């Protein structure tokens, strides 16, 4: 079974008299346990496509299926529930909560979205922190760790709910080259260990180099 299937997918934004066709009738299929990059210039539609797959923004028309669920016409409440159960997110600015510790940041989706019991949460968070090499950093706060460590925490948080799909929007944009390579290798290890599919929106050649599948967007369509 494919993990993501899109057919004739469209996204149009209307602001006053201006109509912007951000995505223009694209088709694609993404398999489980794959490493995929959406690439293209700014304004090409990469982030819009990621937001639709992540059920943050509904399609205007077409068909979109994620993890066996037709998500084309989900309500806001249904979309939020689906995201919490199936999708993890990694952002370029990390999006960690500054008043929570590393442990609490990773725990947050289990407590607030999935309502796991305390002992089960503790065991799962410790397992993920160990997997990303942050087992000894759980009591620290985000302002006490480096950018690379923050992104490791973000990877752990994205995977803590057993998400089979992780969407990463420019995840290496704020990292130096050496740290970027380490984060990419970490995500590949997570894919191999947990069978997670990673979909990137990126300009980073290092991410593209490691992608098994690259979709190139230009003005909301596949280039070429």
Foldseek 3Di string as FASTA:
>chain_A
DFFKWWFQFWAWDDDPPDIATQAGGETDTHHFLFQEEEEEDPSLNRVVVLCCQLLNDATPDTWMDGRNRTSRDDDPVRSLLCNLQAEFEAEQVLPFDQVAFLLCSLLVSCCPRVNDDDVVSNVLSCVLCVLLVNNVRRRHGPVVDDPLVSRSSSVSSRPSSVHQEYEYEANCVPPDPVSVLSSLVSVNVCSVVSRHYYYYHHPDVSSVVPGPYYFYGGSNYGDD
